[in-house]
Amino acid sequence: MEKANLNGLKTFGFNSKIELIDFAVSKKKILIAINAHKIINSDVETREIINANIGYPDGHGAIMALKNKNIHSIKIPGCELWLDIINYLDSNTSYYLIGGKQNVIEQVVIKLKKEFVNINIINHRNGFISNIDQEADLLNDIKKHKPDVIFVAMGSPRQELLMQKIQKMHSALFLGLGGSFDVYTGNVKRAPKIWVKLNLEWAYRWLCEPKLRTKRNLDLFKFLYLLKRNKL
């Protein structure tokens, strides 16, 4: 697979999800979704984490920017990728889940065990880590259980910062999931398939959450301006 520098972010292009999963498993790195917002807004610390790991094109903006660098890639939504990883890896793989409210993470575990009967979830906890002691307890628990794959759904950059801390003391495949647990449990609805197919998922979210999404989506116009002028 090829990679490009997108405004300081090392981003890989992949021809398939399987290519990405095989590459990620072999490297045991943090998988980080790259989209237009992240390309133009990542700070120095976030860039360092991404560039030391595997940035993959989660949004259509990242696909456009890679194409501008003559690199072909499919779009790989993180809200689908974590389930593809579970489906692809064998039943001996162990998982540790972090994120969401307590009732949400419990719903996630129940649904996963129904969907993937032989899944080995060795532990899980909610995403509310409010002090050093709670973080230390989590790190010690992960060190104790030694999971093969760790999913963290806390939103950026909190999830990347936490995964980096865990990575320093335990080698695993990591994937940041943002709000994917809420989508998986039906607490938040994903855009209809036609919107996703037309690369308008961002517009659907904007319509559903105008106050929350307006500032973020205005970044898309800045991104397109910079892309058109080859400044990314």
Protein backbone atom coordinates (compact mmCIF):
# COMPACT_ATOMS: atom_id res chain seq x y z
CA MET A 1 0.00 0.00 0.00
CA GLU A 2 1.05 3.59 -0.62
CA LYS A 3 0.97 6.53 1.75
CA ALA A 4 0.96 10.30 1.48
CA ASN A 5 1.54 13.32 3.67
CA LEU A 6 -1.77 15.18 4.01
CA ASN A 7 -1.09 18.50 5.70
CA GLY A 8 1.41 16.78 7.99
CA LEU A 9 -0.57 13.56 8.51
CA LYS A 10 0.87 10.30 7.18
CA THR A 11 -2.13 8.60 5.59
CA PHE A 12 -2.20 5.17 3.95
CA GLY A 13 -4.29 4.17 0.97
CA PHE A 14 -5.83 0.69 0.85
CA ASN A 15 -7.52 -1.30 -1.91
CA SER A 16 -9.63 -3.32 0.53
CA LYS A 17 -10.54 -3.62 4.20
CA ILE A 18 -8.75 -6.97 4.34
CA GLU A 19 -5.53 -5.33 3.13
CA LEU A 20 -5.81 -2.81 5.96
CA ILE A 21 -6.63 -5.45 8.60
CA ASP A 22 -3.73 -7.71 7.56
CA PHE A 23 -1.35 -4.75 7.61
CA ALA A 24 -2.64 -3.56 11.00
CA VAL A 25 -2.41 -7.02 12.59
CA SER A 26 1.17 -7.45 11.38
CA LYS A 27 2.25 -4.05 12.74
CA LYS A 28 0.22 -4.01 16.01
CA LYS A 29 -0.30 -0.28 15.83
CA ILE A 30 -3.07 2.23 16.54
CA LEU A 31 -5.54 2.59 13.67
CA ILE A 32 -6.65 6.21 13.38
CA ALA A 33 -9.44 7.43 11.11
CA ILE A 34 -8.43 10.31 8.85
CA ASN A 35 -11.04 12.74 7.51
CA ALA A 36 -11.16 16.32 6.28
CA HIS A 37 -11.67 17.76 9.76
CA LYS A 38 -8.64 15.92 11.15
CA ILE A 39 -6.47 16.84 8.16
CA ILE A 40 -6.85 20.57 8.74
CA ASN A 41 -7.25 20.67 12.52
CA SER A 42 -4.87 18.14 14.09
CA ASP A 43 -2.44 19.63 16.58
CA VAL A 44 1.23 18.68 16.98
CA GLU A 45 0.54 15.97 19.57
CA THR A 46 -2.18 14.32 17.49
CA ARG A 47 0.02 14.43 14.37
CA GLU A 48 2.83 12.69 16.22
CA ILE A 49 0.51 9.88 17.34
CA ILE A 50 -0.94 9.43 13.84
CA ASN A 51 2.43 9.48 12.12
CA ALA A 52 3.82 6.84 14.48
CA ASN A 53 0.87 4.57 13.74
CA ILE A 54 -1.58 3.88 10.88
CA GLY A 55 -3.80 6.66 9.57
CA TYR A 56 -6.46 5.29 7.22
CA PRO A 57 -9.06 7.13 5.06
CA ASP A 58 -12.33 7.10 7.01
CA GLY A 59 -13.89 10.07 5.20
CA HIS A 60 -14.42 11.06 1.57
CA GLY A 61 -12.23 14.12 2.15
CA ALA A 62 -9.25 11.87 2.87
CA ILE A 63 -9.98 9.90 -0.32
CA MET A 64 -10.02 13.14 -2.32
CA ALA A 65 -6.76 14.31 -0.76
CA LEU A 66 -5.06 10.96 -1.46
CA LYS A 67 -6.30 11.04 -5.05
CA ASN A 68 -4.79 14.50 -5.35
CA LYS A 69 -1.48 12.83 -4.48
CA ASN A 70 -2.09 10.12 -7.13
CA ILE A 71 -2.90 7.46 -4.54
CA HIS A 72 -6.00 5.31 -4.97
CA SER A 73 -7.88 4.09 -1.90
CA ILE A 74 -11.30 2.92 -0.84
CA LYS A 75 -13.08 4.68 2.01
CA ILE A 76 -13.03 2.62 5.20
CA PRO A 77 -15.59 3.81 7.79
CA GLY A 78 -14.41 3.12 11.33
CA CYS A 79 -17.97 2.32 12.41
CA GLU A 80 -17.77 -0.70 10.08
CA LEU A 81 -14.09 -1.55 10.41
CA TRP A 82 -14.15 -2.76 14.01
CA LEU A 83 -16.88 -5.28 13.18
CA ASP A 84 -14.94 -6.37 10.08
CA ILE A 85 -11.91 -6.97 12.31
CA ILE A 86 -13.94 -9.17 14.68
CA ASN A 87 -15.44 -11.06 11.75
CA TYR A 88 -12.06 -11.58 10.07
CA LEU A 89 -9.88 -12.62 13.00
CA ASP A 90 -10.16 -16.08 14.54
CA SER A 91 -11.97 -16.93 17.77
CA ASN A 92 -8.71 -17.10 19.73
CA THR A 93 -8.39 -13.33 19.47
CA SER A 94 -9.10 -11.49 22.73
CA TYR A 95 -10.78 -8.09 22.92
CA TYR A 96 -10.91 -5.25 25.43
CA LEU A 97 -13.60 -2.56 24.95
CA ILE A 98 -13.46 0.98 26.34
CA GLY A 99 -15.99 3.75 25.79
CA GLY A 100 -19.53 5.04 25.96
CA LYS A 101 -21.83 5.33 28.93
CA GLN A 102 -22.12 2.32 31.23
CA ASN A 103 -25.48 1.23 29.82
CA VAL A 104 -24.16 1.62 26.26
CA ILE A 105 -21.00 -0.45 26.76
CA GLU A 106 -23.10 -3.17 28.41
CA GLN A 107 -25.46 -3.16 25.41
CA VAL A 108 -22.46 -3.41 23.08
CA VAL A 109 -21.10 -6.47 24.88
CA ILE A 110 -24.48 -8.22 24.88
CA LYS A 111 -25.05 -7.54 21.18
CA LEU A 112 -21.53 -8.62 20.19
CA LYS A 113 -21.90 -11.91 22.03
CA LYS A 114 -25.12 -12.56 20.14
CA GLU A 115 -23.68 -11.56 16.77
CA PHE A 116 -20.30 -13.25 17.25
CA VAL A 117 -21.03 -16.30 19.40
CA ASN A 118 -17.39 -17.25 20.04
CA ILE A 119 -16.04 -13.75 20.63
CA ASN A 120 -13.58 -13.50 23.52
CA ILE A 121 -14.23 -10.19 25.29
CA ILE A 122 -11.91 -10.37 28.28
CA ASN A 123 -13.09 -7.12 29.84
CA HIS A 124 -14.76 -3.78 29.17
CA ARG A 125 -15.42 -0.46 30.85
CA ASN A 126 -17.19 2.82 30.12
CA GLY A 127 -15.41 5.83 28.66
CA PHE A 128 -15.65 8.07 31.70
CA ILE A 129 -12.13 8.13 33.11
CA SER A 130 -12.04 11.24 35.27
CA ASN A 131 -8.89 10.92 37.37
CA ILE A 132 -5.41 9.41 37.51
CA ASP A 133 -6.46 6.53 39.76
CA GLN A 134 -9.15 5.36 37.32
CA GLU A 135 -6.68 5.55 34.46
CA ALA A 136 -4.09 3.61 36.46
CA ASP A 137 -6.67 0.92 37.27
CA LEU A 138 -7.46 0.59 33.57
CA LEU A 139 -3.80 0.33 32.57
CA ASN A 140 -3.14 -2.29 35.22
CA ASP A 141 -6.18 -4.30 34.14
CA ILE A 142 -5.04 -4.27 30.52
CA LYS A 143 -1.54 -5.29 31.57
CA LYS A 144 -3.11 -8.17 33.52
CA HIS A 145 -5.39 -9.44 30.75
CA LYS A 146 -3.07 -8.78 27.77
CA PRO A 147 -5.77 -8.38 25.06
CA ASP A 148 -4.90 -8.81 21.40
CA VAL A 149 -7.25 -6.03 20.21
CA ILE A 150 -8.37 -2.90 22.06
CA PHE A 151 -11.30 -0.78 20.85
CA VAL A 152 -11.59 2.72 22.34
CA ALA A 153 -14.73 4.78 21.65
CA MET A 154 -14.20 8.13 23.35
CA GLY A 155 -13.88 10.67 20.55
CA SER A 156 -10.75 12.47 19.33
CA PRO A 157 -8.25 13.36 20.63
CA ARG A 158 -9.06 11.68 23.98
CA GLN A 159 -9.12 8.19 22.52
CA GLU A 160 -5.82 8.64 20.68
CA LEU A 161 -4.11 9.98 23.81
CA LEU A 162 -5.39 7.06 25.89
CA MET A 163 -4.43 4.48 23.28
CA GLN A 164 -0.93 5.94 23.14
CA LYS A 165 -0.57 5.55 26.92
CA ILE A 166 -1.75 1.94 26.77
CA GLN A 167 0.49 1.23 23.77
CA LYS A 168 3.58 2.26 25.73
CA MET A 169 3.09 -0.59 28.19
CA HIS A 170 1.17 -3.19 26.12
CA SER A 171 1.50 -4.24 22.49
CA ALA A 172 -1.83 -4.78 20.71
CA LEU A 173 -3.91 -3.75 17.73
CA PHE A 174 -5.78 -0.56 18.64
CA LEU A 175 -8.71 1.13 16.92
CA GLY A 176 -10.32 4.44 17.87
CA LEU A 177 -14.08 4.38 17.31
CA GLY A 178 -15.53 7.74 18.26
CA GLY A 179 -19.30 7.31 18.58
CA SER A 180 -19.46 3.86 16.98
CA PHE A 181 -20.76 2.14 20.12
CA ASP A 182 -23.80 4.43 20.10
CA VAL A 183 -24.40 3.67 16.42
CA TYR A 184 -23.97 -0.08 16.93
CA THR A 185 -26.53 -0.17 19.77
CA GLY A 186 -29.01 2.04 17.92
CA ASN A 187 -28.75 4.89 20.41
CA VAL A 188 -27.60 7.08 17.51
CA LYS A 189 -28.84 6.45 13.97
CA ARG A 190 -26.34 6.29 11.14
CA ALA A 191 -27.22 8.03 7.88
CA PRO A 192 -29.43 6.03 5.47
CA LYS A 193 -27.48 3.91 2.99
CA ILE A 194 -28.21 6.21 0.05
CA TRP A 195 -26.62 9.15 1.90
CA VAL A 196 -23.57 7.01 2.70
CA LYS A 197 -23.32 5.81 -0.92
CA LEU A 198 -23.42 9.40 -2.19
CA ASN A 199 -20.72 10.46 0.33
CA LEU A 200 -23.23 12.74 2.05
CA GLU A 201 -23.12 11.21 5.51
CA TRP A 202 -21.64 14.46 6.83
CA ALA A 203 -24.66 16.38 5.45
CA TYR A 204 -27.11 13.99 7.11
CA ARG A 205 -25.38 14.46 10.47
CA TRP A 206 -25.47 18.22 9.92
CA LEU A 207 -29.23 18.13 9.38
CA CYS A 208 -29.75 15.95 12.46
CA GLU A 209 -27.45 17.96 14.75
CA PRO A 210 -27.16 21.50 13.28
CA LYS A 211 -25.88 23.22 16.43
CA LEU A 212 -23.29 20.54 17.10
CA ARG A 213 -22.15 20.09 13.52
CA THR A 214 -22.20 23.57 11.97
CA LYS A 215 -18.74 24.73 13.06
CA ARG A 216 -17.21 21.33 12.32
CA ASN A 217 -18.74 21.12 8.84
CA LEU A 218 -17.69 24.63 7.94
CA ASP A 219 -14.19 23.15 8.03
CA LEU A 220 -15.16 21.19 4.93
CA PHE A 221 -15.27 24.37 2.87
CA LYS A 222 -11.83 25.35 4.15
CA PHE A 223 -10.60 21.85 3.31
CA LEU A 224 -11.95 22.03 -0.27
CA TYR A 225 -10.37 25.47 -0.74
CA LEU A 226 -6.96 24.19 0.36
CA LEU A 227 -7.33 20.98 -1.66
CA LYS A 228 -8.18 22.85 -4.85
CA ARG A 229 -5.04 24.97 -4.42
CA ASN A 230 -2.82 21.97 -3.68
CA LYS A 231 -2.04 23.28 -0.19
CA LEU A 232 -2.65 19.99 1.66
